[in-house]
Structure formats: structure tokens, C-alpha cells
Amino acid sequence: MVGKSLDSIKRKAAVWLRQGISPRRLALTLALGFALGCFPVVGIPTALCALLALALKLNLPAIEAANYLVMPLQFVLIVPFVRLGGWLVASGPGRPPVLFGPAQASTHNLLALLAGLAGQAGLAGQAILAWLVIAIPSVLLLTATLTVLLRRVPVLAAAEPGN
């Protein structure tokens, strides 16, 4: 009897986890969970994942699972993020540039501005700056890669619009 109820719970959980998820949406959810799970301030990623999942109507269990899966990386990457952030801050000008408008806001100026702000905030700010520089392209790359892989999963491919 316990085995039957356990199977029933597993089936219901599987249906709940897959509900309304296309491969692209699940890929974005997992990519964001992986990236946020590496956020270089301990204790923050879980709350960030929950807030982002609620704001973007993403699958909360999936984003938190990805977050917890990469949690060991968070600890391993703190020092490299601090060092990269320190390098980014040191390579910028002595004081952050003033951005007069979108037309003058080049990528270099924006990075220099963020580096100046990170320098003001100390090591945590430097680590967060480095995380941003790495996380944004990583989410894009992971989303594209995972979308291709998840489209090969029959249950998820059936949930994709147009099928």
C-alpha cells in the first residue's frame, strides 16, 4: 500500500513539475538557476531564485533545484570572482565616468562605471561585478544549449507550442 501511494505521489509530482513547461522555458529556468546559484554572496541565491521565479512565472522547483545543484560551485568561485572583480576595477579609470546619455554609454564606459561602483562597495562588490560579467553571457549560452537538449526529451517536446 505504501508503494502504491509513493508511486502516485511521484506521478503527481512529475505532472506538476512539467505542467506548462516548454523546452525553451525550462532551459531558461535552469540556466537562471545555475547562474544565480553561483552568486558570490552566501545565502542570497535561494531568495533571488524564488523572487525571479515568481516575477517571471518560472517553475520554482526547477530553478531552486538548479540553484542547489551548483551550490558547491558558489563556494569554489567566490575567490576567482573577487580576483576578476579586482582586476576589472584596477583596469578602469581612477574615477567612474559620467554617462551623459544612452548615445554615449559605450560598453567600456558602462563597465568602468560598474567597476567604480564595485570598488566603492569593496570585495563583495568586486565579486558581484565579476559575476555579472560572467553570468549574463553564461545564461544566454546555457539557455540555447539546454533548449536544444531538452527538445529531445519526448515529454517536453510535446509541451512545446506548435507540436
N, C-alpha and C. Protein backbone atom coordinates (compact mmCIF):
# COMPACT_ATOMS: atom_id res chain seq x y z
N MET A 1 0.82 -1.19 0.00
CA MET A 1 0.00 0.00 0.00
C MET A 1 0.87 1.27 0.00
N VAL A 2 1.96 1.24 0.76
CA VAL A 2 2.84 2.39 0.81
C VAL A 2 3.51 2.59 -0.55
N GLY A 3 3.87 1.50 -1.21
CA GLY A 3 4.50 1.58 -2.53
C GLY A 3 3.58 2.21 -3.56
N LYS A 4 2.28 1.84 -3.48
CA LYS A 4 1.30 2.40 -4.42
C LYS A 4 1.13 3.90 -4.21
N SER A 5 1.03 4.32 -2.95
CA SER A 5 0.85 5.75 -2.69
C SER A 5 2.10 6.53 -3.06
N LEU A 6 3.28 5.93 -2.88
CA LEU A 6 4.52 6.58 -3.26
C LEU A 6 4.59 6.77 -4.78
N ASP A 7 4.17 5.74 -5.52
CA ASP A 7 4.13 5.87 -6.99
C ASP A 7 3.15 6.95 -7.41
N SER A 8 2.03 7.03 -6.75
CA SER A 8 1.02 8.04 -7.05
C SER A 8 1.58 9.45 -6.79
N ILE A 9 2.29 9.61 -5.70
CA ILE A 9 2.88 10.90 -5.36
C ILE A 9 3.94 11.27 -6.39
N LYS A 10 4.76 10.29 -6.80
CA LYS A 10 5.79 10.56 -7.81
C LYS A 10 5.16 11.00 -9.12
N ARG A 11 4.09 10.32 -9.53
CA ARG A 11 3.42 10.69 -10.79
C ARG A 11 2.83 12.09 -10.71
N LYS A 12 2.18 12.40 -9.58
CA LYS A 12 1.60 13.73 -9.42
C LYS A 12 2.68 14.80 -9.41
N ALA A 13 3.80 14.52 -8.76
CA ALA A 13 4.90 15.49 -8.71
C ALA A 13 5.49 15.70 -10.11
N ALA A 14 5.63 14.61 -10.87
CA ALA A 14 6.17 14.72 -12.22
C ALA A 14 5.25 15.56 -13.11
N VAL A 15 3.95 15.34 -13.00
CA VAL A 15 2.99 16.14 -13.78
C VAL A 15 3.06 17.60 -13.36
N TRP A 16 3.14 17.85 -12.06
CA TRP A 16 3.21 19.22 -11.56
C TRP A 16 4.47 19.93 -12.04
N LEU A 17 5.61 19.21 -12.02
CA LEU A 17 6.87 19.82 -12.44
C LEU A 17 6.88 20.14 -13.94
N ARG A 18 6.21 19.32 -14.75
CA ARG A 18 6.21 19.52 -16.19
C ARG A 18 5.10 20.45 -16.67
N GLN A 19 4.19 20.76 -15.81
CA GLN A 19 3.00 21.50 -16.19
C GLN A 19 3.33 22.82 -16.88
N GLY A 20 2.90 22.92 -18.13
CA GLY A 20 3.06 24.16 -18.87
C GLY A 20 4.49 24.53 -19.21
N ILE A 21 5.39 23.58 -19.19
CA ILE A 21 6.80 23.89 -19.44
C ILE A 21 7.17 23.46 -20.85
N SER A 22 7.65 24.42 -21.61
CA SER A 22 8.22 24.11 -22.92
C SER A 22 9.73 23.92 -22.72
N PRO A 23 10.39 23.26 -23.66
CA PRO A 23 11.84 23.10 -23.52
C PRO A 23 12.57 24.44 -23.38
N ARG A 24 12.14 25.45 -24.11
CA ARG A 24 12.81 26.76 -24.04
C ARG A 24 12.61 27.40 -22.66
N ARG A 25 11.41 27.33 -22.14
CA ARG A 25 11.11 27.93 -20.83
C ARG A 25 11.86 27.19 -19.71
N LEU A 26 11.89 25.87 -19.79
CA LEU A 26 12.62 25.08 -18.79
C LEU A 26 14.12 25.36 -18.90
N ALA A 27 14.64 25.50 -20.12
CA ALA A 27 16.05 25.80 -20.31
C ALA A 27 16.41 27.15 -19.68
N LEU A 28 15.56 28.15 -19.89
CA LEU A 28 15.79 29.46 -19.28
C LEU A 28 15.75 29.35 -17.75
N THR A 29 14.79 28.61 -17.25
CA THR A 29 14.66 28.43 -15.80
C THR A 29 15.91 27.79 -15.22
N LEU A 30 16.39 26.72 -15.85
CA LEU A 30 17.58 26.03 -15.35
C LEU A 30 18.83 26.91 -15.48
N ALA A 31 18.96 27.61 -16.60
CA ALA A 31 20.12 28.48 -16.80
C ALA A 31 20.17 29.58 -15.75
N LEU A 32 19.01 30.18 -15.48
CA LEU A 32 18.97 31.22 -14.44
C LEU A 32 19.28 30.63 -13.06
N GLY A 33 18.77 29.44 -12.79
CA GLY A 33 19.07 28.78 -11.52
C GLY A 33 20.55 28.48 -11.35
N PHE A 34 21.18 28.01 -12.44
CA PHE A 34 22.62 27.74 -12.40
C PHE A 34 23.40 29.03 -12.16
N ALA A 35 23.05 30.07 -12.89
CA ALA A 35 23.78 31.34 -12.77
C ALA A 35 23.57 31.96 -11.39
N LEU A 36 22.34 32.01 -10.94
CA LEU A 36 22.07 32.60 -9.62
C LEU A 36 22.66 31.76 -8.50
N GLY A 37 22.76 30.46 -8.73
CA GLY A 37 23.36 29.58 -7.73
C GLY A 37 24.84 29.87 -7.50
N CYS A 38 25.47 30.53 -8.44
CA CYS A 38 26.89 30.89 -8.33
C CYS A 38 27.08 32.32 -7.83
N PHE A 39 26.00 33.01 -7.48
CA PHE A 39 26.10 34.38 -6.98
C PHE A 39 27.06 34.40 -5.80
N PRO A 40 28.04 35.31 -5.81
CA PRO A 40 29.13 35.24 -4.84
C PRO A 40 28.85 35.78 -3.44
N VAL A 41 27.60 35.83 -3.04
CA VAL A 41 27.27 36.22 -1.66
C VAL A 41 26.44 35.08 -1.08
N VAL A 42 26.99 34.41 -0.08
CA VAL A 42 26.36 33.24 0.51
C VAL A 42 25.01 33.62 1.14
N GLY A 43 24.01 32.79 0.87
CA GLY A 43 22.69 32.98 1.45
C GLY A 43 21.73 33.76 0.58
N ILE A 44 22.21 34.36 -0.47
CA ILE A 44 21.37 35.20 -1.33
C ILE A 44 20.72 34.42 -2.49
N PRO A 45 21.39 33.42 -3.10
CA PRO A 45 20.84 32.80 -4.30
C PRO A 45 19.45 32.20 -4.16
N THR A 46 19.15 31.58 -3.04
CA THR A 46 17.83 30.96 -2.88
C THR A 46 16.72 32.01 -2.96
N ALA A 47 16.92 33.11 -2.27
CA ALA A 47 15.92 34.18 -2.31
C ALA A 47 15.84 34.81 -3.70
N LEU A 48 16.98 35.01 -4.35
CA LEU A 48 16.98 35.57 -5.71
C LEU A 48 16.24 34.65 -6.68
N CYS A 49 16.47 33.35 -6.56
CA CYS A 49 15.79 32.39 -7.43
C CYS A 49 14.28 32.43 -7.21
N ALA A 50 13.87 32.46 -5.96
CA ALA A 50 12.44 32.49 -5.66
C ALA A 50 11.80 33.77 -6.20
N LEU A 51 12.44 34.90 -5.98
CA LEU A 51 11.90 36.17 -6.48
C LEU A 51 11.83 36.19 -8.00
N LEU A 52 12.87 35.72 -8.66
CA LEU A 52 12.89 35.70 -10.11
C LEU A 52 11.85 34.73 -10.67
N ALA A 53 11.71 33.58 -10.04
CA ALA A 53 10.72 32.60 -10.49
C ALA A 53 9.31 33.17 -10.37
N LEU A 54 9.04 33.84 -9.27
CA LEU A 54 7.71 34.43 -9.09
C LEU A 54 7.48 35.60 -10.05
N ALA A 55 8.50 36.43 -10.24
CA ALA A 55 8.36 37.60 -11.11
C ALA A 55 8.18 37.20 -12.57
N LEU A 56 8.92 36.18 -13.02
CA LEU A 56 8.88 35.77 -14.42
C LEU A 56 7.96 34.57 -14.67
N LYS A 57 7.30 34.12 -13.61
CA LYS A 57 6.39 32.96 -13.68
C LYS A 57 7.13 31.72 -14.21
N LEU A 58 8.29 31.48 -13.61
CA LEU A 58 9.09 30.32 -13.95
C LEU A 58 8.76 29.18 -12.99
N ASN A 59 9.23 28.01 -13.30
CA ASN A 59 8.99 26.83 -12.47
C ASN A 59 9.88 26.92 -11.23
N LEU A 60 9.27 27.20 -10.07
CA LEU A 60 10.02 27.41 -8.83
C LEU A 60 10.82 26.18 -8.41
N PRO A 61 10.24 24.96 -8.42
CA PRO A 61 11.06 23.80 -8.04
C PRO A 61 12.27 23.59 -8.97
N ALA A 62 12.09 23.85 -10.26
CA ALA A 62 13.20 23.64 -11.21
C ALA A 62 14.32 24.65 -10.99
N ILE A 63 13.98 25.92 -10.78
CA ILE A 63 15.02 26.93 -10.58
C ILE A 63 15.76 26.70 -9.26
N GLU A 64 15.03 26.29 -8.23
CA GLU A 64 15.68 26.03 -6.93
C GLU A 64 16.53 24.76 -7.01
N ALA A 65 16.08 23.76 -7.77
CA ALA A 65 16.88 22.54 -7.93
C ALA A 65 18.20 22.86 -8.63
N ALA A 66 18.15 23.68 -9.67
CA ALA A 66 19.38 24.08 -10.37
C ALA A 66 20.28 24.88 -9.43
N ASN A 67 19.68 25.76 -8.65
CA ASN A 67 20.42 26.57 -7.67
C ASN A 67 21.16 25.66 -6.69
N TYR A 68 20.46 24.69 -6.12
CA TYR A 68 21.09 23.81 -5.13
C TYR A 68 22.12 22.88 -5.76
N LEU A 69 21.90 22.53 -7.03
CA LEU A 69 22.85 21.65 -7.71
C LEU A 69 24.22 22.31 -7.86
N VAL A 70 24.24 23.61 -8.12
CA VAL A 70 25.52 24.31 -8.32
C VAL A 70 26.04 24.99 -7.06
N MET A 71 25.37 24.79 -5.95
CA MET A 71 25.79 25.45 -4.72
C MET A 71 27.26 25.22 -4.36
N PRO A 72 27.80 24.00 -4.55
CA PRO A 72 29.24 23.84 -4.27
C PRO A 72 30.11 24.77 -5.13
N LEU A 73 29.68 25.05 -6.36
CA LEU A 73 30.42 25.96 -7.21
C LEU A 73 30.45 27.38 -6.65
N GLN A 74 29.38 27.75 -5.96
CA GLN A 74 29.32 29.09 -5.37
C GLN A 74 30.53 29.31 -4.47
N PHE A 75 30.82 28.34 -3.63
CA PHE A 75 31.94 28.47 -2.70
C PHE A 75 33.28 28.44 -3.42
N VAL A 76 33.38 27.61 -4.45
CA VAL A 76 34.63 27.49 -5.21
C VAL A 76 34.90 28.77 -6.00
N LEU A 77 33.84 29.44 -6.47
CA LEU A 77 34.00 30.59 -7.36
C LEU A 77 34.11 31.94 -6.65
N ILE A 78 33.92 31.99 -5.35
CA ILE A 78 33.97 33.27 -4.66
C ILE A 78 35.34 33.95 -4.84
N VAL A 79 36.41 33.23 -4.61
CA VAL A 79 37.75 33.82 -4.73
C VAL A 79 38.05 34.22 -6.18
N PRO A 80 37.79 33.36 -7.18
CA PRO A 80 38.02 33.82 -8.56
C PRO A 80 37.17 35.05 -8.93
N PHE A 81 35.92 35.12 -8.44
CA PHE A 81 35.10 36.29 -8.73
C PHE A 81 35.69 37.55 -8.08
N VAL A 82 36.18 37.42 -6.87
CA VAL A 82 36.80 38.58 -6.20
C VAL A 82 38.04 39.03 -6.98
N ARG A 83 38.85 38.07 -7.42
CA ARG A 83 40.07 38.41 -8.17
C ARG A 83 39.73 39.04 -9.51
N LEU A 84 38.77 38.46 -10.23
CA LEU A 84 38.37 39.03 -11.51
C LEU A 84 37.78 40.43 -11.32
N GLY A 85 36.96 40.59 -10.30
CA GLY A 85 36.40 41.90 -9.99
C GLY A 85 37.47 42.91 -9.66
N GLY A 86 38.47 42.48 -8.90
CA GLY A 86 39.61 43.36 -8.58
C GLY A 86 40.36 43.76 -9.83
N TRP A 87 40.52 42.81 -10.73
CA TRP A 87 41.20 43.11 -11.99
C TRP A 87 40.37 44.09 -12.82
N LEU A 88 39.04 43.88 -12.87
CA LEU A 88 38.17 44.79 -13.62
C LEU A 88 38.21 46.20 -13.04
N VAL A 89 38.21 46.29 -11.72
CA VAL A 89 38.24 47.60 -11.06
C VAL A 89 39.59 48.27 -11.29
N ALA A 90 40.67 47.50 -11.19
CA ALA A 90 42.01 48.07 -11.37
C ALA A 90 42.24 48.51 -12.81
N SER A 91 41.57 47.88 -13.75
CA SER A 91 41.79 48.25 -15.16
C SER A 91 40.97 49.46 -15.57
N GLY A 92 40.03 49.86 -14.72
CA GLY A 92 39.20 51.01 -15.05
C GLY A 92 39.92 52.30 -14.72
N PRO A 93 39.36 53.44 -15.11
CA PRO A 93 39.96 54.73 -14.79
C PRO A 93 39.87 55.01 -13.29
N GLY A 94 40.59 56.03 -12.84
CA GLY A 94 40.63 56.37 -11.42
C GLY A 94 39.27 56.68 -10.83
N ARG A 95 38.42 57.33 -11.59
CA ARG A 95 37.07 57.59 -11.09
C ARG A 95 36.08 57.22 -12.19
N PRO A 96 34.91 56.80 -11.81
CA PRO A 96 33.95 56.34 -12.80
C PRO A 96 33.52 57.47 -13.74
N PRO A 97 33.31 57.15 -15.02
CA PRO A 97 32.89 58.18 -15.96
C PRO A 97 31.44 58.57 -15.73
N VAL A 98 31.10 59.76 -16.14
CA VAL A 98 29.72 60.21 -16.06
C VAL A 98 29.08 59.90 -17.41
N LEU A 99 27.97 59.19 -17.37
CA LEU A 99 27.27 58.85 -18.60
C LEU A 99 26.24 59.93 -18.87
N PHE A 100 26.40 60.63 -19.97
CA PHE A 100 25.51 61.75 -20.28
C PHE A 100 24.24 61.30 -20.98
N GLY A 101 24.22 60.15 -21.54
CA GLY A 101 23.03 59.68 -22.24
C GLY A 101 23.31 58.34 -22.88
N PRO A 102 22.25 57.69 -23.37
CA PRO A 102 22.42 56.37 -23.98
C PRO A 102 23.37 56.38 -25.18
N ALA A 103 23.42 57.47 -25.92
CA ALA A 103 24.29 57.53 -27.09
C ALA A 103 25.76 57.47 -26.69
N GLN A 104 26.10 57.97 -25.50
CA GLN A 104 27.49 57.98 -25.07
C GLN A 104 27.81 56.81 -24.13
N ALA A 105 26.87 55.96 -23.88
CA ALA A 105 27.07 54.87 -22.93
C ALA A 105 27.63 53.65 -23.64
N SER A 106 28.92 53.68 -23.91
CA SER A 106 29.55 52.52 -24.55
C SER A 106 29.69 51.40 -23.53
N THR A 107 29.93 50.23 -24.01
CA THR A 107 30.12 49.07 -23.14
C THR A 107 31.30 49.31 -22.20
N HIS A 108 32.36 49.89 -22.72
CA HIS A 108 33.54 50.16 -21.88
C HIS A 108 33.21 51.15 -20.77
N ASN A 109 32.47 52.22 -21.10
CA ASN A 109 32.09 53.20 -20.09
C ASN A 109 31.20 52.59 -19.03
N LEU A 110 30.26 51.75 -19.48
CA LEU A 110 29.36 51.10 -18.53
C LEU A 110 30.15 50.18 -17.60
N LEU A 111 31.06 49.40 -18.16
CA LEU A 111 31.90 48.51 -17.35
C LEU A 111 32.75 49.32 -16.37
N ALA A 112 33.28 50.43 -16.83
CA ALA A 112 34.09 51.28 -15.95
C ALA A 112 33.24 51.86 -14.83
N LEU A 113 32.01 52.25 -15.15
CA LEU A 113 31.11 52.77 -14.13
C LEU A 113 30.80 51.70 -13.09
N LEU A 114 30.47 50.50 -13.56
CA LEU A 114 30.19 49.40 -12.63
C LEU A 114 31.42 49.06 -11.81
N ALA A 115 32.59 49.10 -12.43
CA ALA A 115 33.82 48.82 -11.70
C ALA A 115 34.05 49.85 -10.61
N GLY A 116 33.77 51.11 -10.92
CA GLY A 116 33.92 52.17 -9.91
C GLY A 116 32.97 51.97 -8.75
N LEU A 117 31.75 51.58 -9.08
CA LEU A 117 30.77 51.31 -8.02
C LEU A 117 31.19 50.10 -7.19
N ALA A 118 31.70 49.07 -7.88
CA ALA A 118 32.16 47.88 -7.16
C ALA A 118 33.33 48.20 -6.26
N GLY A 119 34.22 49.08 -6.72
CA GLY A 119 35.35 49.48 -5.90
C GLY A 119 34.90 50.17 -4.63
N GLN A 120 33.81 50.94 -4.72
CA GLN A 120 33.25 51.61 -3.56
C GLN A 120 32.69 50.59 -2.56
N ALA A 121 32.15 49.51 -3.06
CA ALA A 121 31.49 48.53 -2.20
C ALA A 121 32.45 47.49 -1.63
N GLY A 122 33.68 47.46 -2.07
CA GLY A 122 34.64 46.53 -1.53
C GLY A 122 34.67 45.21 -2.27
N LEU A 123 35.15 44.18 -1.58
CA LEU A 123 35.35 42.88 -2.21
C LEU A 123 34.05 42.25 -2.70
N ALA A 124 32.99 42.39 -1.93
CA ALA A 124 31.70 41.82 -2.35
C ALA A 124 31.24 42.48 -3.65
N GLY A 125 31.40 43.78 -3.73
CA GLY A 125 31.03 44.49 -4.95
C GLY A 125 31.86 44.05 -6.14
N GLN A 126 33.14 43.84 -5.92
CA GLN A 126 34.01 43.37 -7.00
C GLN A 126 33.58 41.98 -7.45
N ALA A 127 33.27 41.11 -6.51
CA ALA A 127 32.84 39.76 -6.85
C ALA A 127 31.52 39.78 -7.61
N ILE A 128 30.60 40.64 -7.20
CA ILE A 128 29.31 40.74 -7.87
C ILE A 128 29.49 41.30 -9.29
N LEU A 129 30.37 42.27 -9.46
CA LEU A 129 30.66 42.80 -10.79
C LEU A 129 31.19 41.69 -11.70
N ALA A 130 32.14 40.92 -11.20
CA ALA A 130 32.69 39.82 -11.99
C ALA A 130 31.61 38.79 -12.31
N TRP A 131 30.77 38.49 -11.32
CA TRP A 131 29.68 37.54 -11.54
C TRP A 131 28.75 38.04 -12.66
N LEU A 132 28.42 39.32 -12.65
CA LEU A 132 27.56 39.88 -13.70
C LEU A 132 28.19 39.74 -15.08
N VAL A 133 29.48 40.02 -15.15
CA VAL A 133 30.19 39.93 -16.43
C VAL A 133 30.16 38.50 -16.96
N ILE A 134 30.26 37.52 -16.07
CA ILE A 134 30.26 36.11 -16.47
C ILE A 134 28.84 35.57 -16.62
N ALA A 135 27.93 35.95 -15.73
CA ALA A 135 26.60 35.34 -15.67
C ALA A 135 25.74 35.66 -16.89
N ILE A 136 25.78 36.88 -17.36
CA ILE A 136 24.90 37.27 -18.46
C ILE A 136 25.16 36.44 -19.72
N PRO A 137 26.40 36.37 -20.21
CA PRO A 137 26.61 35.51 -21.39
C PRO A 137 26.41 34.02 -21.08
N SER A 138 26.69 33.63 -19.84
CA SER A 138 26.51 32.22 -19.47
C SER A 138 25.04 31.81 -19.54
N VAL A 139 24.15 32.68 -19.07
CA VAL A 139 22.72 32.38 -19.13
C VAL A 139 22.27 32.25 -20.59
N LEU A 140 22.73 33.14 -21.43
CA LEU A 140 22.36 33.08 -22.85
C LEU A 140 22.86 31.78 -23.50
N LEU A 141 24.11 31.44 -23.25
CA LEU A 141 24.68 30.23 -23.82
C LEU A 141 24.02 28.97 -23.27
N LEU A 142 23.84 28.92 -21.95
CA LEU A 142 23.19 27.77 -21.33
C LEU A 142 21.75 27.60 -21.81
N THR A 143 21.03 28.70 -21.94
CA THR A 143 19.64 28.61 -22.39
C THR A 143 19.58 28.02 -23.80
N ALA A 144 20.44 28.48 -24.68
CA ALA A 144 20.45 27.97 -26.05
C ALA A 144 20.82 26.48 -26.08
N THR A 145 21.85 26.11 -25.33
CA THR A 145 22.30 24.72 -25.30
C THR A 145 21.26 23.80 -24.69
N LEU A 146 20.72 24.21 -23.54
CA LEU A 146 19.72 23.37 -22.87
C LEU A 146 18.43 23.27 -23.68
N THR A 147 18.07 24.30 -24.40
CA THR A 147 16.86 24.23 -25.24
C THR A 147 17.02 23.14 -26.28
N VAL A 148 18.17 23.09 -26.93
CA VAL A 148 18.42 22.04 -27.93
C VAL A 148 18.34 20.66 -27.29
N LEU A 149 18.96 20.51 -26.13
CA LEU A 149 18.96 19.20 -25.45
C LEU A 149 17.57 18.82 -24.96
N LEU A 150 16.84 19.76 -24.39
CA LEU A 150 15.53 19.45 -23.82
C LEU A 150 14.48 19.19 -24.89
N ARG A 151 14.68 19.70 -26.09
CA ARG A 151 13.75 19.41 -27.18
C ARG A 151 13.81 17.94 -27.59
N ARG A 152 14.85 17.26 -27.18
CA ARG A 152 14.99 15.83 -27.48
C ARG A 152 14.26 14.95 -26.47
N VAL A 153 13.77 15.56 -25.39
CA VAL A 153 13.02 14.82 -24.37
C VAL A 153 11.56 14.78 -24.85
N PRO A 154 11.04 13.57 -25.14
CA PRO A 154 9.70 13.47 -25.73
C PRO A 154 8.59 14.17 -24.94
N VAL A 155 8.59 14.02 -23.65
CA VAL A 155 7.52 14.62 -22.83
C VAL A 155 7.56 16.13 -22.92
N LEU A 156 8.75 16.72 -22.95
CA LEU A 156 8.88 18.16 -23.05
C LEU A 156 8.61 18.67 -24.46
N ALA A 157 9.04 17.89 -25.46
CA ALA A 157 8.81 18.31 -26.86
C ALA A 157 7.33 18.37 -27.15
N ALA A 158 6.54 17.49 -26.52
CA ALA A 158 5.08 17.50 -26.72
C ALA A 158 4.45 18.75 -26.11
N ALA A 159 5.11 19.34 -25.10
CA ALA A 159 4.56 20.52 -24.43
C ALA A 159 4.88 21.81 -25.17
N GLU A 160 5.78 21.73 -26.16
CA GLU A 160 6.19 22.94 -26.88
C GLU A 160 5.08 23.40 -27.82
N PRO A 161 4.83 24.71 -27.85
CA PRO A 161 3.81 25.22 -28.76
C PRO A 161 4.12 24.87 -30.21
N GLY A 162 3.08 24.54 -30.96
CA GLY A 162 3.26 24.20 -32.37
C GLY A 162 3.42 22.72 -32.60
N ASN A 163 3.41 21.90 -31.55
CA ASN A 163 3.52 20.44 -31.70
C ASN A 163 2.18 19.80 -31.51
